[in-house]
């Protein structure tokens, strides 16, 4: 009997009382194409550095780094 009650009321309660959390549609600002290219370059440089390959940049977060 409780299973039947659950199947009746569970969808109703989910509809009336939605879960809380970060599942809301927030409009995002589109990034400039140049910013995306710079970010890809930074990620690629970081990946190369992790694997022991020295590549650009000589400035990281605005701080000059040793060559």
PDB file of N, CA and C in Angstrom:
ATOM      1  N   UNK A   1       0.822  -1.201   0.000  1.00  0.00           N
ATOM      2  CA  UNK A   1       0.000   0.000   0.000  1.00  0.00           C
ATOM      3  C   UNK A   1       0.866   1.266   0.000  1.00  0.00           C
ATOM      4  N   UNK A   2       1.927   1.229   0.798  1.00  0.00           N
ATOM      5  CA  UNK A   2       2.774   2.428   0.861  1.00  0.00           C
ATOM      6  C   UNK A   2       3.461   2.690  -0.481  1.00  0.00           C
ATOM      7  N   UNK A   3       3.739   1.623  -1.227  1.00  0.00           N
ATOM      8  CA  UNK A   3       4.357   1.802  -2.542  1.00  0.00           C
ATOM      9  C   UNK A   3       3.420   2.544  -3.488  1.00  0.00           C
ATOM     10  N   UNK A   4       2.142   2.255  -3.428  1.00  0.00           N
ATOM     11  CA  UNK A   4       1.164   2.927  -4.279  1.00  0.00           C
ATOM     12  C   UNK A   4       1.042   4.405  -3.909  1.00  0.00           C
ATOM     13  N   UNK A   5       1.052   4.671  -2.615  1.00  0.00           N
ATOM     14  CA  UNK A   5       0.982   6.065  -2.156  1.00  0.00           C
ATOM     15  C   UNK A   5       2.223   6.821  -2.629  1.00  0.00           C
ATOM     16  N   UNK A   6       3.367   6.163  -2.522  1.00  0.00           N
ATOM     17  CA  UNK A   6       4.612   6.798  -2.946  1.00  0.00           C
ATOM     18  C   UNK A   6       4.573   7.123  -4.437  1.00  0.00           C
ATOM     19  N   UNK A   7       4.100   6.172  -5.255  1.00  0.00           N
ATOM     20  CA  UNK A   7       4.075   6.415  -6.696  1.00  0.00           C
ATOM     21  C   UNK A   7       3.101   7.519  -7.070  1.00  0.00           C
ATOM     22  N   UNK A   8       2.093   7.757  -6.233  1.00  0.00           N
ATOM     23  CA  UNK A   8       1.145   8.840  -6.502  1.00  0.00           C
ATOM     24  C   UNK A   8       1.684  10.199  -6.075  1.00  0.00           C
ATOM     25  N   UNK A   9       2.296  10.233  -4.905  1.00  0.00           N
ATOM     26  CA  UNK A   9       2.683  11.528  -4.337  1.00  0.00           C
ATOM     27  C   UNK A   9       4.094  11.986  -4.689  1.00  0.00           C
ATOM     28  N   UNK A  10       4.984  11.072  -5.007  1.00  0.00           N
ATOM     29  CA  UNK A  10       6.367  11.475  -5.293  1.00  0.00           C
ATOM     30  C   UNK A  10       6.479  12.416  -6.488  1.00  0.00           C
ATOM     31  N   UNK A  11       5.856  12.126  -7.644  1.00  0.00           N
ATOM     32  CA  UNK A  11       5.944  13.083  -8.754  1.00  0.00           C
ATOM     33  C   UNK A  11       5.295  14.428  -8.429  1.00  0.00           C
ATOM     34  N   UNK A  12       4.210  14.386  -7.675  1.00  0.00           N
ATOM     35  CA  UNK A  12       3.541  15.622  -7.287  1.00  0.00           C
ATOM     36  C   UNK A  12       4.434  16.481  -6.400  1.00  0.00           C
ATOM     37  N   UNK A  13       5.074  15.854  -5.429  1.00  0.00           N
ATOM     38  CA  UNK A  13       5.962  16.599  -4.538  1.00  0.00           C
ATOM     39  C   UNK A  13       7.191  17.123  -5.282  1.00  0.00           C
ATOM     40  N   UNK A  14       7.714  16.353  -6.225  1.00  0.00           N
ATOM     41  CA  UNK A  14       8.857  16.841  -7.011  1.00  0.00           C
ATOM     42  C   UNK A  14       8.471  18.059  -7.844  1.00  0.00           C
ATOM     43  N   UNK A  15       7.235  18.066  -8.304  1.00  0.00           N
ATOM     44  CA  UNK A  15       6.769  19.193  -9.105  1.00  0.00           C
ATOM     45  C   UNK A  15       6.506  20.412  -8.231  1.00  0.00           C
ATOM     46  N   UNK A  16       5.901  20.198  -7.064  1.00  0.00           N
ATOM     47  CA  UNK A  16       5.573  21.318  -6.178  1.00  0.00           C
ATOM     48  C   UNK A  16       6.780  21.839  -5.420  1.00  0.00           C
ATOM     49  N   UNK A  17       7.675  20.964  -5.021  1.00  0.00           N
ATOM     50  CA  UNK A  17       8.839  21.343  -4.221  1.00  0.00           C
ATOM     51  C   UNK A  17      10.114  20.916  -4.943  1.00  0.00           C
ATOM     52  N   UNK A  18      10.557  21.674  -5.931  1.00  0.00           N
ATOM     53  CA  UNK A  18      11.769  21.274  -6.654  1.00  0.00           C
ATOM     54  C   UNK A  18      12.985  21.342  -5.738  1.00  0.00           C
ATOM     55  N   UNK A  19      13.976  20.539  -6.051  1.00  0.00           N
ATOM     56  CA  UNK A  19      15.196  20.516  -5.260  1.00  0.00           C
ATOM     57  C   UNK A  19      15.947  21.830  -5.339  1.00  0.00           C
ATOM     58  N   UNK A  20      16.691  22.134  -4.302  1.00  0.00           N
ATOM     59  CA  UNK A  20      17.507  23.345  -4.289  1.00  0.00           C
ATOM     60  C   UNK A  20      18.885  23.028  -4.825  1.00  0.00           C
ATOM     61  N   UNK A  21      19.562  24.032  -5.301  1.00  0.00           N
ATOM     62  CA  UNK A  21      20.916  23.818  -5.782  1.00  0.00           C
ATOM     63  C   UNK A  21      21.277  24.775  -6.892  1.00  0.00           C
ATOM     64  N   UNK A  22      22.305  24.438  -7.596  1.00  0.00           N
ATOM     65  CA  UNK A  22      22.856  25.300  -8.651  1.00  0.00           C
ATOM     66  C   UNK A  22      22.274  24.975 -10.015  1.00  0.00           C
ATOM     67  N   UNK A  23      21.125  24.375 -10.076  1.00  0.00           N
ATOM     68  CA  UNK A  23      20.566  23.946 -11.347  1.00  0.00           C
ATOM     69  C   UNK A  23      19.614  24.987 -11.913  1.00  0.00           C
ATOM     70  N   UNK A  24      20.083  26.198 -12.010  1.00  0.00           N
ATOM     71  CA  UNK A  24      19.228  27.231 -12.588  1.00  0.00           C
ATOM     72  C   UNK A  24      19.909  27.802 -13.813  1.00  0.00           C
ATOM     73  N   UNK A  25      19.112  28.242 -14.708  1.00  0.00           N
ATOM     74  CA  UNK A  25      19.660  28.791 -15.942  1.00  0.00           C
ATOM     75  C   UNK A  25      20.096  30.229 -15.701  1.00  0.00           C
ATOM     76  N   UNK A  26      21.388  30.450 -15.721  1.00  0.00           N
ATOM     77  CA  UNK A  26      21.947  31.780 -15.526  1.00  0.00           C
ATOM     78  C   UNK A  26      22.505  32.240 -16.863  1.00  0.00           C
ATOM     79  N   UNK A  27      22.064  33.377 -17.347  1.00  0.00           N
ATOM     80  CA  UNK A  27      22.615  33.834 -18.625  1.00  0.00           C
ATOM     81  C   UNK A  27      24.098  34.153 -18.476  1.00  0.00           C
ATOM     82  N   UNK A  28      24.875  33.697 -19.429  1.00  0.00           N
ATOM     83  CA  UNK A  28      26.315  33.941 -19.389  1.00  0.00           C
ATOM     84  C   UNK A  28      26.694  34.928 -20.465  1.00  0.00           C
ATOM     85  N   UNK A  29      27.752  35.673 -20.193  1.00  0.00           N
ATOM     86  CA  UNK A  29      28.258  36.611 -21.184  1.00  0.00           C
ATOM     87  C   UNK A  29      29.133  35.863 -22.167  1.00  0.00           C
ATOM     88  N   UNK A  30      28.952  36.096 -23.440  1.00  0.00           N
ATOM     89  CA  UNK A  30      29.848  35.442 -24.394  1.00  0.00           C
ATOM     90  C   UNK A  30      31.238  36.053 -24.308  1.00  0.00           C
ATOM     91  N   UNK A  31      32.242  35.218 -24.345  1.00  0.00           N
ATOM     92  CA  UNK A  31      33.616  35.705 -24.288  1.00  0.00           C
ATOM     93  C   UNK A  31      34.067  36.086 -25.681  1.00  0.00           C
ATOM     94  N   UNK A  32      34.974  37.012 -25.738  1.00  0.00           N
ATOM     95  CA  UNK A  32      35.526  37.431 -27.025  1.00  0.00           C
ATOM     96  C   UNK A  32      36.359  36.293 -27.609  1.00  0.00           C
ATOM     97  N   UNK A  33      36.412  36.219 -28.919  1.00  0.00           N
ATOM     98  CA  UNK A  33      37.163  35.153 -29.586  1.00  0.00           C
ATOM     99  C   UNK A  33      38.643  35.231 -29.225  1.00  0.00           C
ATOM    100  N   UNK A  34      39.167  36.427 -29.085  1.00  0.00           N
ATOM    101  CA  UNK A  34      40.574  36.594 -28.721  1.00  0.00           C
ATOM    102  C   UNK A  34      40.871  36.073 -27.332  1.00  0.00           C
ATOM    103  N   UNK A  35      39.924  36.259 -26.401  1.00  0.00           N
ATOM    104  CA  UNK A  35      40.114  35.775 -25.034  1.00  0.00           C
ATOM    105  C   UNK A  35      40.157  34.251 -25.008  1.00  0.00           C
ATOM    106  N   UNK A  36      39.307  33.617 -25.826  1.00  0.00           N
ATOM    107  CA  UNK A  36      39.312  32.147 -25.881  1.00  0.00           C
ATOM    108  C   UNK A  36      40.631  31.629 -26.435  1.00  0.00           C
ATOM    109  N   UNK A  37      41.168  32.303 -27.441  1.00  0.00           N
ATOM    110  CA  UNK A  37      42.445  31.880 -28.027  1.00  0.00           C
ATOM    111  C   UNK A  37      43.572  32.034 -27.016  1.00  0.00           C
ATOM    112  N   UNK A  38      43.572  33.120 -26.262  1.00  0.00           N
ATOM    113  CA  UNK A  38      44.604  33.319 -25.235  1.00  0.00           C
ATOM    114  C   UNK A  38      44.504  32.258 -24.150  1.00  0.00           C
ATOM    115  N   UNK A  39      43.287  31.913 -23.768  1.00  0.00           N
ATOM    116  CA  UNK A  39      43.109  30.899 -22.731  1.00  0.00           C
ATOM    117  C   UNK A  39      43.605  29.533 -23.227  1.00  0.00           C
ATOM    118  N   UNK A  40      43.297  29.196 -24.479  1.00  0.00           N
ATOM    119  CA  UNK A  40      43.788  27.934 -25.038  1.00  0.00           C
ATOM    120  C   UNK A  40      45.318  27.910 -25.058  1.00  0.00           C
ATOM    121  N   UNK A  41      45.912  29.049 -25.417  1.00  0.00           N
ATOM    122  CA  UNK A  41      47.380  29.117 -25.449  1.00  0.00           C
ATOM    123  C   UNK A  41      47.962  28.933 -24.051  1.00  0.00           C
ATOM    124  N   UNK A  42      47.341  29.548 -23.045  1.00  0.00           N
ATOM    125  CA  UNK A  42      47.813  29.386 -21.669  1.00  0.00           C
ATOM    126  C   UNK A  42      47.689  27.938 -21.208  1.00  0.00           C
ATOM    127  N   UNK A  43      46.571  27.305 -21.545  1.00  0.00           N
ATOM    128  CA  UNK A  43      46.382  25.903 -21.146  1.00  0.00           C
ATOM    129  C   UNK A  43      47.408  25.002 -21.817  1.00  0.00           C
ATOM    130  N   UNK A  44      47.650  25.252 -23.091  1.00  0.00           N
ATOM    131  CA  UNK A  44      48.627  24.450 -23.823  1.00  0.00           C
ATOM    132  C   UNK A  44      50.018  24.634 -23.213  1.00  0.00           C
ATOM    133  N   UNK A  45      50.378  25.875 -22.878  1.00  0.00           N
ATOM    134  CA  UNK A  45      51.682  26.158 -22.280  1.00  0.00           C
ATOM    135  C   UNK A  45      51.813  25.466 -20.932  1.00  0.00           C
ATOM    136  N   UNK A  46      50.766  25.495 -20.147  1.00  0.00           N
ATOM    137  CA  UNK A  46      50.795  24.834 -18.844  1.00  0.00           C
ATOM    138  C   UNK A  46      50.948  23.327 -19.016  1.00  0.00           C
ATOM    139  N   UNK A  47      50.231  22.754 -19.973  1.00  0.00           N
ATOM    140  CA  UNK A  47      50.330  21.318 -20.219  1.00  0.00           C
ATOM    141  C   UNK A  47      51.752  20.942 -20.609  1.00  0.00           C
ATOM    142  N   UNK A  48      52.363  21.747 -21.488  1.00  0.00           N
ATOM    143  CA  UNK A  48      53.742  21.481 -21.893  1.00  0.00           C
ATOM    144  C   UNK A  48      54.691  21.589 -20.701  1.00  0.00           C
ATOM    145  N   UNK A  49      54.478  22.571 -19.830  1.00  0.00           N
ATOM    146  CA  UNK A  49      55.338  22.749 -18.664  1.00  0.00           C
ATOM    147  C   UNK A  49      55.229  21.555 -17.721  1.00  0.00           C
ATOM    148  N   UNK A  50      54.038  21.027 -17.558  1.00  0.00           N
ATOM    149  CA  UNK A  50      53.842  19.866 -16.695  1.00  0.00           C
ATOM    150  C   UNK A  50      54.635  18.673 -17.225  1.00  0.00           C
ATOM    151  N   UNK A  51      54.762  18.589 -18.545  1.00  0.00           N
ATOM    152  CA  UNK A  51      55.475  17.481 -19.157  1.00  0.00           C
ATOM    153  C   UNK A  51      56.959  17.795 -19.389  1.00  0.00           C
ATOM    154  N   UNK A  52      57.446  18.885 -18.820  1.00  0.00           N
ATOM    155  CA  UNK A  52      58.866  19.207 -18.850  1.00  0.00           C
ATOM    156  C   UNK A  52      59.339  19.933 -20.083  1.00  0.00           C
ATOM    157  N   UNK A  53      58.442  20.504 -20.858  1.00  0.00           N
ATOM    158  CA  UNK A  53      58.834  21.228 -22.068  1.00  0.00           C
ATOM    159  C   UNK A  53      58.722  22.718 -21.788  1.00  0.00           C
ATOM    160  N   UNK A  54      59.837  23.435 -21.965  1.00  0.00           N
ATOM    161  CA  UNK A  54      59.824  24.871 -21.695  1.00  0.00           C
ATOM    162  C   UNK A  54      59.284  25.604 -22.913  1.00  0.00           C
ATOM    163  N   UNK A  55      58.201  26.283 -22.731  1.00  0.00           N
ATOM    164  CA  UNK A  55      57.595  27.071 -23.805  1.00  0.00           C
ATOM    165  C   UNK A  55      57.165  28.399 -23.201  1.00  0.00           C
ATOM    166  N   UNK A  56      56.675  29.270 -24.062  1.00  0.00           N
ATOM    167  CA  UNK A  56      56.194  30.543 -23.560  1.00  0.00           C
ATOM    168  C   UNK A  56      55.205  30.307 -22.430  1.00  0.00           C
ATOM    169  N   UNK A  57      54.750  31.228 -21.720  1.00  0.00           N
ATOM    170  CA  UNK A  57      55.072  32.644 -21.705  1.00  0.00           C
ATOM    171  C   UNK A  57      56.210  32.945 -20.737  1.00  0.00           C
ATOM    172  N   UNK A  58      56.778  34.079 -20.900  1.00  0.00           N
ATOM    173  CA  UNK A  58      57.808  34.530 -19.973  1.00  0.00           C
ATOM    174  C   UNK A  58      57.182  35.327 -18.827  1.00  0.00           C
ATOM    175  N   UNK A  59      55.914  35.640 -18.963  1.00  0.00           N
ATOM    176  CA  UNK A  59      55.155  36.293 -17.892  1.00  0.00           C
ATOM    177  C   UNK A  59      53.964  35.410 -17.555  1.00  0.00           C
ATOM    178  N   UNK A  60      53.824  35.108 -16.278  1.00  0.00           N
ATOM    179  CA  UNK A  60      52.692  34.319 -15.817  1.00  0.00           C
ATOM    180  C   UNK A  60      51.973  35.133 -14.759  1.00  0.00           C
ATOM    181  N   UNK A  61      50.702  35.392 -14.996  1.00  0.00           N
ATOM    182  CA  UNK A  61      49.872  36.227 -14.106  1.00  0.00           C
ATOM    183  C   UNK A  61      50.526  37.579 -13.849  1.00  0.00           C
ATOM    184  N   UNK A  62      51.150  38.128 -14.886  1.00  0.00           N
ATOM    185  CA  UNK A  62      51.737  39.449 -14.784  1.00  0.00           C
ATOM    186  C   UNK A  62      53.094  39.481 -14.122  1.00  0.00           C
ATOM    187  N   UNK A  63      53.657  38.340 -13.764  1.00  0.00           N
ATOM    188  CA  UNK A  63      54.959  38.284 -13.088  1.00  0.00           C
ATOM    189  C   UNK A  63      55.972  37.682 -14.060  1.00  0.00           C
ATOM    190  N   UNK A  64      57.102  38.371 -14.218  1.00  0.00           N
ATOM    191  CA  UNK A  64      58.139  37.875 -15.114  1.00  0.00           C
ATOM    192  C   UNK A  64      58.789  36.654 -14.482  1.00  0.00           C
ATOM    193  N   UNK A  65      58.908  35.598 -15.286  1.00  0.00           N
ATOM    194  CA  UNK A  65      59.514  34.358 -14.780  1.00  0.00           C
ATOM    195  C   UNK A  65      60.840  34.137 -15.454  1.00  0.00           C
ATOM    196  N   UNK A  66      61.691  33.363 -14.806  1.00  0.00           N
ATOM    197  CA  UNK A  66      63.030  33.084 -15.347  1.00  0.00           C
ATOM    198  C   UNK A  66      62.917  32.227 -16.595  1.00  0.00           C
ATOM    199  N   UNK A  67      63.824  32.474 -17.528  1.00  0.00           N
ATOM    200  CA  UNK A  67      63.788  31.727 -18.799  1.00  0.00           C
ATOM    201  C   UNK A  67      64.439  30.393 -18.668  1.00  0.00           C
TER     202      UNK A  67
END
